[in-house]
């Protein structure tokens, strides 16, 4: 029996996980399922839009219920159109960040009206990043903002989302594509390995001639912005941080 106090989303994903584990073996590290499994689950539980619930966990927006997370480092991995799998990783699905880094002050160029009405979510973070050219500062590139809130289909993976996308050039004229994932200050809002893998796969599919430099941005409790650039790997367990930086936007002028 499921905990009646658990959320509707948790009930759905836990029910699916238990059915697959019972069918394929509890110790299996890979539990594939498809749209037909979701349709049967929707019918049994009398709910709608199960794929959206699954996507919430696949994208890292929600954490798995403890009944799942206590049995391993699980992710939901897209395997193509209408195909998915629970996959157990040898490492945590979340990326740990050294939040004790020294803070670098940056003059805040965000318009006052934007600061006044900002809601503190990922989109407000991305607005501050753009107004202050923090992608340029962090990467050392000259960058050009291309698109926000991308939803796309990636072959062999399924639907993915990217918060922001930049193109950049270095002093040697080499071009880069910089996908960006932003996270709020909430402790539950963490950068995940599958998000980085999804960004890399999208760039390799849509911009095959460009080098990819995936970047994650996390708001910290003191309101500073933590930046990390990750390796451009297609395997979640191989994602590593290449380097970090922490910035604080300030209105105080030196001198």
C-alpha atoms as a PDB file:
ATOM      1  CA  UNK A   1       0.000   0.000   0.000  1.00  0.00           C
ATOM      2  CA  UNK A   2       1.232   3.473  -0.825  1.00  0.00           C
ATOM      3  CA  UNK A   3       1.373   6.225   1.732  1.00  0.00           C
ATOM      4  CA  UNK A   4      -1.947   8.111   1.264  1.00  0.00           C
ATOM      5  CA  UNK A   5      -0.169  11.356   2.132  1.00  0.00           C
ATOM      6  CA  UNK A   6       2.271  11.018  -0.763  1.00  0.00           C
ATOM      7  CA  UNK A   7       1.814  13.317  -3.733  1.00  0.00           C
ATOM      8  CA  UNK A   8      -0.077  12.236  -6.819  1.00  0.00           C
ATOM      9  CA  UNK A   9       3.129  12.367  -8.857  1.00  0.00           C
ATOM     10  CA  UNK A  10       4.984  10.192  -6.354  1.00  0.00           C
ATOM     11  CA  UNK A  11       2.141   7.683  -6.348  1.00  0.00           C
ATOM     12  CA  UNK A  12       2.296   7.359 -10.117  1.00  0.00           C
ATOM     13  CA  UNK A  13       6.065   6.964 -10.421  1.00  0.00           C
ATOM     14  CA  UNK A  14       6.261   4.579  -7.461  1.00  0.00           C
ATOM     15  CA  UNK A  15       3.454   2.413  -8.826  1.00  0.00           C
ATOM     16  CA  UNK A  16       5.198   2.217 -12.206  1.00  0.00           C
ATOM     17  CA  UNK A  17       8.571   1.410 -10.622  1.00  0.00           C
ATOM     18  CA  UNK A  18       7.114  -1.364  -8.444  1.00  0.00           C
ATOM     19  CA  UNK A  19       5.303  -2.942 -11.393  1.00  0.00           C
ATOM     20  CA  UNK A  20       8.449  -2.957 -13.511  1.00  0.00           C
ATOM     21  CA  UNK A  21      10.642  -4.243 -10.675  1.00  0.00           C
ATOM     22  CA  UNK A  22       8.153  -7.028 -10.015  1.00  0.00           C
ATOM     23  CA  UNK A  23       8.024  -7.934 -13.692  1.00  0.00           C
ATOM     24  CA  UNK A  24      11.724  -7.698 -14.540  1.00  0.00           C
ATOM     25  CA  UNK A  25      13.381  -8.422 -11.206  1.00  0.00           C
ATOM     26  CA  UNK A  26      13.975  -6.138  -8.244  1.00  0.00           C
ATOM     27  CA  UNK A  27      17.766  -6.201  -8.634  1.00  0.00           C
ATOM     28  CA  UNK A  28      17.742  -5.237 -12.322  1.00  0.00           C
ATOM     29  CA  UNK A  29      19.688  -2.028 -13.000  1.00  0.00           C
ATOM     30  CA  UNK A  30      17.647  -1.241 -16.102  1.00  0.00           C
ATOM     31  CA  UNK A  31      13.827  -1.216 -16.107  1.00  0.00           C
ATOM     32  CA  UNK A  32      12.540  -0.238 -19.572  1.00  0.00           C
ATOM     33  CA  UNK A  33       8.956   0.823 -20.206  1.00  0.00           C
ATOM     34  CA  UNK A  34       6.976   2.521 -22.952  1.00  0.00           C
ATOM     35  CA  UNK A  35       3.837   4.498 -23.660  1.00  0.00           C
ATOM     36  CA  UNK A  36       1.656   1.386 -23.385  1.00  0.00           C
ATOM     37  CA  UNK A  37       2.798   0.906 -19.788  1.00  0.00           C
ATOM     38  CA  UNK A  38       1.878   4.528 -19.104  1.00  0.00           C
ATOM     39  CA  UNK A  39      -1.520   4.152 -20.730  1.00  0.00           C
ATOM     40  CA  UNK A  40      -2.304   1.079 -18.606  1.00  0.00           C
ATOM     41  CA  UNK A  41      -1.193   2.928 -15.489  1.00  0.00           C
ATOM     42  CA  UNK A  42      -3.392   5.903 -16.345  1.00  0.00           C
ATOM     43  CA  UNK A  43      -6.356   3.599 -16.813  1.00  0.00           C
ATOM     44  CA  UNK A  44      -5.757   1.743 -13.532  1.00  0.00           C
ATOM     45  CA  UNK A  45      -5.234   4.885 -11.453  1.00  0.00           C
ATOM     46  CA  UNK A  46      -7.848   6.959 -13.318  1.00  0.00           C
ATOM     47  CA  UNK A  47      -5.469   9.819 -13.995  1.00  0.00           C
ATOM     48  CA  UNK A  48      -4.580  11.898 -17.020  1.00  0.00           C
ATOM     49  CA  UNK A  49      -1.365  13.200 -18.532  1.00  0.00           C
ATOM     50  CA  UNK A  50       0.923  10.541 -17.071  1.00  0.00           C
ATOM     51  CA  UNK A  51       3.689  11.379 -19.604  1.00  0.00           C
ATOM     52  CA  UNK A  52       3.972  14.846 -18.034  1.00  0.00           C
ATOM     53  CA  UNK A  53       4.412  13.252 -14.627  1.00  0.00           C
ATOM     54  CA  UNK A  54       7.147  10.985 -15.962  1.00  0.00           C
ATOM     55  CA  UNK A  55       8.875  13.966 -17.589  1.00  0.00           C
ATOM     56  CA  UNK A  56       9.003  15.780 -14.238  1.00  0.00           C
ATOM     57  CA  UNK A  57      11.257  13.039 -12.896  1.00  0.00           C
ATOM     58  CA  UNK A  58      13.133  12.472 -16.147  1.00  0.00           C
ATOM     59  CA  UNK A  59      14.137  16.138 -16.258  1.00  0.00           C
ATOM     60  CA  UNK A  60      15.059  16.265 -12.570  1.00  0.00           C
ATOM     61  CA  UNK A  61      12.306  18.685 -11.609  1.00  0.00           C
ATOM     62  CA  UNK A  62      11.139  16.297  -8.917  1.00  0.00           C
ATOM     63  CA  UNK A  63      13.011  13.884  -6.672  1.00  0.00           C
ATOM     64  CA  UNK A  64      12.011  10.243  -6.527  1.00  0.00           C
ATOM     65  CA  UNK A  65      10.027   9.059  -3.482  1.00  0.00           C
ATOM     66  CA  UNK A  66      12.200   7.509  -0.783  1.00  0.00           C
ATOM     67  CA  UNK A  67      10.997   3.999  -1.661  1.00  0.00           C
ATOM     68  CA  UNK A  68      12.847   4.380  -4.979  1.00  0.00           C
ATOM     69  CA  UNK A  69      15.835   6.520  -3.966  1.00  0.00           C
ATOM     70  CA  UNK A  70      16.706   4.245  -1.037  1.00  0.00           C
ATOM     71  CA  UNK A  71      17.307   1.361  -3.464  1.00  0.00           C
ATOM     72  CA  UNK A  72      19.906   3.132  -5.607  1.00  0.00           C
ATOM     73  CA  UNK A  73      20.814   6.151  -7.725  1.00  0.00           C
ATOM     74  CA  UNK A  74      17.921   5.952 -10.177  1.00  0.00           C
ATOM     75  CA  UNK A  75      17.156   8.153 -13.160  1.00  0.00           C
ATOM     76  CA  UNK A  76      14.456   8.010 -15.838  1.00  0.00           C
ATOM     77  CA  UNK A  77      16.190   7.904 -19.195  1.00  0.00           C
ATOM     78  CA  UNK A  78      14.546   8.640 -22.541  1.00  0.00           C
ATOM     79  CA  UNK A  79      15.130   5.879 -25.098  1.00  0.00           C
ATOM     80  CA  UNK A  80      13.327   7.432 -28.076  1.00  0.00           C
ATOM     81  CA  UNK A  81       9.765   8.327 -28.946  1.00  0.00           C
ATOM     82  CA  UNK A  82       7.449   6.865 -26.316  1.00  0.00           C
ATOM     83  CA  UNK A  83      10.243   4.776 -24.783  1.00  0.00           C
ATOM     84  CA  UNK A  84      11.847   5.185 -21.348  1.00  0.00           C
ATOM     85  CA  UNK A  85      13.726   3.287 -18.664  1.00  0.00           C
ATOM     86  CA  UNK A  86      14.449   3.495 -14.966  1.00  0.00           C
ATOM     87  CA  UNK A  87      18.234   3.195 -14.858  1.00  0.00           C
ATOM     88  CA  UNK A  88      20.379   2.744 -11.771  1.00  0.00           C
ATOM     89  CA  UNK A  89      23.652   4.691 -11.895  1.00  0.00           C
ATOM     90  CA  UNK A  90      26.874   3.848 -10.049  1.00  0.00           C
ATOM     91  CA  UNK A  91      27.030   7.482  -8.896  1.00  0.00           C
ATOM     92  CA  UNK A  92      24.497  10.017  -7.631  1.00  0.00           C
ATOM     93  CA  UNK A  93      22.121  11.379 -10.252  1.00  0.00           C
ATOM     94  CA  UNK A  94      22.676  14.869  -8.795  1.00  0.00           C
ATOM     95  CA  UNK A  95      25.878  16.845  -9.243  1.00  0.00           C
ATOM     96  CA  UNK A  96      27.504  18.033  -6.027  1.00  0.00           C
ATOM     97  CA  UNK A  97      28.780  21.619  -6.033  1.00  0.00           C
ATOM     98  CA  UNK A  98      31.502  23.116  -3.788  1.00  0.00           C
ATOM     99  CA  UNK A  99      29.465  26.032  -2.501  1.00  0.00           C
ATOM    100  CA  UNK A 100      32.311  27.253  -0.259  1.00  0.00           C
ATOM    101  CA  UNK A 101      34.027  28.893  -3.251  1.00  0.00           C
ATOM    102  CA  UNK A 102      35.285  32.445  -2.954  1.00  0.00           C
ATOM    103  CA  UNK A 103      32.743  34.938  -4.291  1.00  0.00           C
ATOM    104  CA  UNK A 104      33.773  37.216  -7.166  1.00  0.00           C
ATOM    105  CA  UNK A 105      31.891  40.576  -7.177  1.00  0.00           C
ATOM    106  CA  UNK A 106      30.492  41.732 -10.541  1.00  0.00           C
ATOM    107  CA  UNK A 107      28.878  45.164 -11.128  1.00  0.00           C
ATOM    108  CA  UNK A 108      25.128  44.584 -11.451  1.00  0.00           C
ATOM    109  CA  UNK A 109      23.779  45.900 -14.767  1.00  0.00           C
ATOM    110  CA  UNK A 110      20.292  44.417 -14.310  1.00  0.00           C
ATOM    111  CA  UNK A 111      17.642  47.143 -14.864  1.00  0.00           C
ATOM    112  CA  UNK A 112      15.999  48.260 -11.624  1.00  0.00           C
ATOM    113  CA  UNK A 113      12.515  47.537 -12.955  1.00  0.00           C
ATOM    114  CA  UNK A 114      13.517  43.938 -13.721  1.00  0.00           C
ATOM    115  CA  UNK A 115      14.939  43.459 -10.215  1.00  0.00           C
ATOM    116  CA  UNK A 116      11.780  44.892  -8.679  1.00  0.00           C
ATOM    117  CA  UNK A 117       9.438  42.429 -10.358  1.00  0.00           C
ATOM    118  CA  UNK A 118      11.723  39.370 -10.583  1.00  0.00           C
ATOM    119  CA  UNK A 119      10.205  36.266  -8.989  1.00  0.00           C
ATOM    120  CA  UNK A 120      13.419  34.472  -8.065  1.00  0.00           C
ATOM    121  CA  UNK A 121      12.786  31.546 -10.397  1.00  0.00           C
ATOM    122  CA  UNK A 122      14.996  30.122 -13.148  1.00  0.00           C
ATOM    123  CA  UNK A 123      13.834  32.711 -15.682  1.00  0.00           C
ATOM    124  CA  UNK A 124      14.798  35.621 -13.424  1.00  0.00           C
ATOM    125  CA  UNK A 125      18.211  34.028 -12.917  1.00  0.00           C
ATOM    126  CA  UNK A 126      18.670  33.738 -16.670  1.00  0.00           C
ATOM    127  CA  UNK A 127      17.662  37.399 -17.106  1.00  0.00           C
ATOM    128  CA  UNK A 128      20.385  38.469 -14.669  1.00  0.00           C
ATOM    129  CA  UNK A 129      22.884  36.269 -16.476  1.00  0.00           C
ATOM    130  CA  UNK A 130      22.041  37.917 -19.821  1.00  0.00           C
ATOM    131  CA  UNK A 131      21.983  41.517 -18.577  1.00  0.00           C
ATOM    132  CA  UNK A 132      25.387  41.069 -16.906  1.00  0.00           C
ATOM    133  CA  UNK A 133      26.969  39.001 -19.702  1.00  0.00           C
ATOM    134  CA  UNK A 134      27.958  36.364 -17.162  1.00  0.00           C
ATOM    135  CA  UNK A 135      28.292  33.642 -19.783  1.00  0.00           C
ATOM    136  CA  UNK A 136      31.018  35.769 -21.421  1.00  0.00           C
ATOM    137  CA  UNK A 137      32.684  36.389 -18.057  1.00  0.00           C
ATOM    138  CA  UNK A 138      32.560  32.728 -17.033  1.00  0.00           C
ATOM    139  CA  UNK A 139      33.611  31.091 -20.307  1.00  0.00           C
ATOM    140  CA  UNK A 140      36.030  33.748 -21.537  1.00  0.00           C
ATOM    141  CA  UNK A 141      34.195  33.768 -24.874  1.00  0.00           C
ATOM    142  CA  UNK A 142      32.324  36.465 -26.738  1.00  0.00           C
ATOM    143  CA  UNK A 143      28.808  35.021 -26.695  1.00  0.00           C
ATOM    144  CA  UNK A 144      25.488  35.727 -28.359  1.00  0.00           C
ATOM    145  CA  UNK A 145      22.185  34.757 -26.809  1.00  0.00           C
ATOM    146  CA  UNK A 146      20.223  32.644 -29.270  1.00  0.00           C
ATOM    147  CA  UNK A 147      17.111  31.193 -27.662  1.00  0.00           C
ATOM    148  CA  UNK A 148      15.387  30.529 -24.333  1.00  0.00           C
ATOM    149  CA  UNK A 149      13.226  27.659 -23.104  1.00  0.00           C
ATOM    150  CA  UNK A 150      13.903  25.172 -25.862  1.00  0.00           C
ATOM    151  CA  UNK A 151      11.704  22.084 -26.134  1.00  0.00           C
ATOM    152  CA  UNK A 152      12.906  19.608 -28.724  1.00  0.00           C
ATOM    153  CA  UNK A 153      12.958  15.947 -29.702  1.00  0.00           C
ATOM    154  CA  UNK A 154      16.347  14.257 -29.653  1.00  0.00           C
ATOM    155  CA  UNK A 155      16.765  10.964 -31.479  1.00  0.00           C
ATOM    156  CA  UNK A 156      17.184   7.937 -29.190  1.00  0.00           C
ATOM    157  CA  UNK A 157      16.355  10.122 -26.208  1.00  0.00           C
ATOM    158  CA  UNK A 158      12.916  11.699 -26.671  1.00  0.00           C
ATOM    159  CA  UNK A 159      11.733  15.135 -25.595  1.00  0.00           C
ATOM    160  CA  UNK A 160      14.200  17.395 -23.818  1.00  0.00           C
ATOM    161  CA  UNK A 161      14.177  20.950 -22.487  1.00  0.00           C
ATOM    162  CA  UNK A 162      16.979  23.511 -22.292  1.00  0.00           C
ATOM    163  CA  UNK A 163      16.673  26.738 -20.309  1.00  0.00           C
ATOM    164  CA  UNK A 164      18.942  28.915 -22.445  1.00  0.00           C
ATOM    165  CA  UNK A 165      21.261  28.670 -25.445  1.00  0.00           C
ATOM    166  CA  UNK A 166      24.244  30.804 -26.469  1.00  0.00           C
ATOM    167  CA  UNK A 167      26.686  30.765 -29.362  1.00  0.00           C
ATOM    168  CA  UNK A 168      30.237  31.912 -28.709  1.00  0.00           C
ATOM    169  CA  UNK A 169      33.589  32.571 -30.358  1.00  0.00           C
ATOM    170  CA  UNK A 170      37.101  32.608 -28.904  1.00  0.00           C
ATOM    171  CA  UNK A 171      40.170  34.654 -29.857  1.00  0.00           C
ATOM    172  CA  UNK A 172      41.155  32.051 -32.463  1.00  0.00           C
ATOM    173  CA  UNK A 173      37.798  32.293 -34.214  1.00  0.00           C
ATOM    174  CA  UNK A 174      36.577  28.895 -33.011  1.00  0.00           C
ATOM    175  CA  UNK A 175      32.805  28.643 -32.528  1.00  0.00           C
ATOM    176  CA  UNK A 176      31.030  27.076 -29.575  1.00  0.00           C
ATOM    177  CA  UNK A 177      27.489  26.283 -28.478  1.00  0.00           C
ATOM    178  CA  UNK A 178      26.747  26.863 -24.783  1.00  0.00           C
ATOM    179  CA  UNK A 179      23.515  25.309 -23.461  1.00  0.00           C
ATOM    180  CA  UNK A 180      22.574  26.547 -19.993  1.00  0.00           C
ATOM    181  CA  UNK A 181      20.581  24.904 -17.197  1.00  0.00           C
ATOM    182  CA  UNK A 182      19.478  27.201 -14.330  1.00  0.00           C
ATOM    183  CA  UNK A 183      18.377  26.231 -10.816  1.00  0.00           C
ATOM    184  CA  UNK A 184      16.760  28.303  -8.077  1.00  0.00           C
ATOM    185  CA  UNK A 185      18.031  28.571  -4.491  1.00  0.00           C
ATOM    186  CA  UNK A 186      15.685  25.807  -3.318  1.00  0.00           C
ATOM    187  CA  UNK A 187      17.671  22.863  -1.852  1.00  0.00           C
ATOM    188  CA  UNK A 188      15.458  20.524  -3.870  1.00  0.00           C
ATOM    189  CA  UNK A 189      16.339  22.266  -7.137  1.00  0.00           C
ATOM    190  CA  UNK A 190      19.640  20.613  -8.064  1.00  0.00           C
ATOM    191  CA  UNK A 191      21.660  20.180 -11.245  1.00  0.00           C
ATOM    192  CA  UNK A 192      21.344  16.627 -12.529  1.00  0.00           C
ATOM    193  CA  UNK A 193      23.441  14.439 -14.774  1.00  0.00           C
ATOM    194  CA  UNK A 194      20.602  13.697 -17.204  1.00  0.00           C
ATOM    195  CA  UNK A 195      20.020  17.405 -17.765  1.00  0.00           C
ATOM    196  CA  UNK A 196      23.627  17.843 -18.854  1.00  0.00           C
ATOM    197  CA  UNK A 197      23.506  14.739 -21.073  1.00  0.00           C
ATOM    198  CA  UNK A 198      20.298  16.016 -22.692  1.00  0.00           C
ATOM    199  CA  UNK A 199      21.868  19.395 -23.455  1.00  0.00           C
ATOM    200  CA  UNK A 200      24.928  17.775 -24.999  1.00  0.00           C
ATOM    201  CA  UNK A 201      22.808  15.442 -27.144  1.00  0.00           C
ATOM    202  CA  UNK A 202      20.676  18.357 -28.396  1.00  0.00           C
ATOM    203  CA  UNK A 203      23.695  20.438 -29.434  1.00  0.00           C
ATOM    204  CA  UNK A 204      25.363  17.479 -31.144  1.00  0.00           C
ATOM    205  CA  UNK A 205      22.153  16.856 -33.097  1.00  0.00           C
ATOM    206  CA  UNK A 206      21.311  20.446 -34.029  1.00  0.00           C
ATOM    207  CA  UNK A 207      24.776  22.061 -34.197  1.00  0.00           C
ATOM    208  CA  UNK A 208      27.108  19.240 -35.316  1.00  0.00           C
ATOM    209  CA  UNK A 209      29.892  21.589 -36.382  1.00  0.00           C
ATOM    210  CA  UNK A 210      30.220  23.375 -33.039  1.00  0.00           C
ATOM    211  CA  UNK A 211      32.036  22.414 -29.845  1.00  0.00           C
ATOM    212  CA  UNK A 212      29.632  22.152 -26.914  1.00  0.00           C
ATOM    213  CA  UNK A 213      30.321  23.677 -23.496  1.00  0.00           C
ATOM    214  CA  UNK A 214      27.414  22.795 -21.166  1.00  0.00           C
ATOM    215  CA  UNK A 215      26.937  25.220 -18.261  1.00  0.00           C
ATOM    216  CA  UNK A 216      24.886  24.976 -15.072  1.00  0.00           C
ATOM    217  CA  UNK A 217      23.864  27.986 -12.938  1.00  0.00           C
ATOM    218  CA  UNK A 218      22.623  27.618  -9.366  1.00  0.00           C
ATOM    219  CA  UNK A 219      21.357  30.406  -7.115  1.00  0.00           C
ATOM    220  CA  UNK A 220      22.834  30.037  -3.623  1.00  0.00           C
ATOM    221  CA  UNK A 221      21.288  30.965  -0.277  1.00  0.00           C
ATOM    222  CA  UNK A 222      23.227  34.250  -0.116  1.00  0.00           C
ATOM    223  CA  UNK A 223      21.791  35.171  -3.556  1.00  0.00           C
ATOM    224  CA  UNK A 224      25.123  34.718  -5.362  1.00  0.00           C
ATOM    225  CA  UNK A 225      25.267  32.706  -8.584  1.00  0.00           C
ATOM    226  CA  UNK A 226      27.277  29.500  -8.778  1.00  0.00           C
ATOM    227  CA  UNK A 227      28.505  28.582 -12.285  1.00  0.00           C
ATOM    228  CA  UNK A 228      29.863  25.207 -13.410  1.00  0.00           C
ATOM    229  CA  UNK A 229      30.988  23.995 -16.813  1.00  0.00           C
ATOM    230  CA  UNK A 230      30.680  20.245 -17.358  1.00  0.00           C
ATOM    231  CA  UNK A 231      32.260  17.688 -19.638  1.00  0.00           C
ATOM    232  CA  UNK A 232      30.380  17.081 -22.886  1.00  0.00           C
ATOM    233  CA  UNK A 233      29.654  13.396 -22.268  1.00  0.00           C
ATOM    234  CA  UNK A 234      26.809  11.224 -23.537  1.00  0.00           C
ATOM    235  CA  UNK A 235      26.931   8.960 -20.451  1.00  0.00           C
ATOM    236  CA  UNK A 236      25.411  10.312 -17.206  1.00  0.00           C
ATOM    237  CA  UNK A 237      27.965   8.561 -14.995  1.00  0.00           C
ATOM    238  CA  UNK A 238      30.819  10.246 -16.905  1.00  0.00           C
ATOM    239  CA  UNK A 239      29.622  13.819 -16.365  1.00  0.00           C
ATOM    240  CA  UNK A 240      32.243  15.805 -14.438  1.00  0.00           C
ATOM    241  CA  UNK A 241      32.676  19.493 -13.652  1.00  0.00           C
ATOM    242  CA  UNK A 242      35.545  21.082 -15.594  1.00  0.00           C
ATOM    243  CA  UNK A 243      35.649  24.223 -13.472  1.00  0.00           C
ATOM    244  CA  UNK A 244      33.548  26.371 -11.119  1.00  0.00           C
ATOM    245  CA  UNK A 245      33.046  30.040 -10.370  1.00  0.00           C
ATOM    246  CA  UNK A 246      30.806  31.967  -7.981  1.00  0.00           C
ATOM    247  CA  UNK A 247      29.639  35.513  -8.680  1.00  0.00           C
ATOM    248  CA  UNK A 248      27.838  38.127  -6.604  1.00  0.00           C
ATOM    249  CA  UNK A 249      26.106  40.962  -8.461  1.00  0.00           C
ATOM    250  CA  UNK A 250      26.677  44.216  -6.601  1.00  0.00           C
ATOM    251  CA  UNK A 251      25.626  47.853  -6.952  1.00  0.00           C
ATOM    252  CA  UNK A 252      28.563  49.081  -4.861  1.00  0.00           C
ATOM    253  CA  UNK A 253      31.192  50.930  -6.919  1.00  0.00           C
ATOM    254  CA  UNK A 254      34.877  50.574  -6.045  1.00  0.00           C
ATOM    255  CA  UNK A 255      37.297  53.473  -5.928  1.00  0.00           C
END
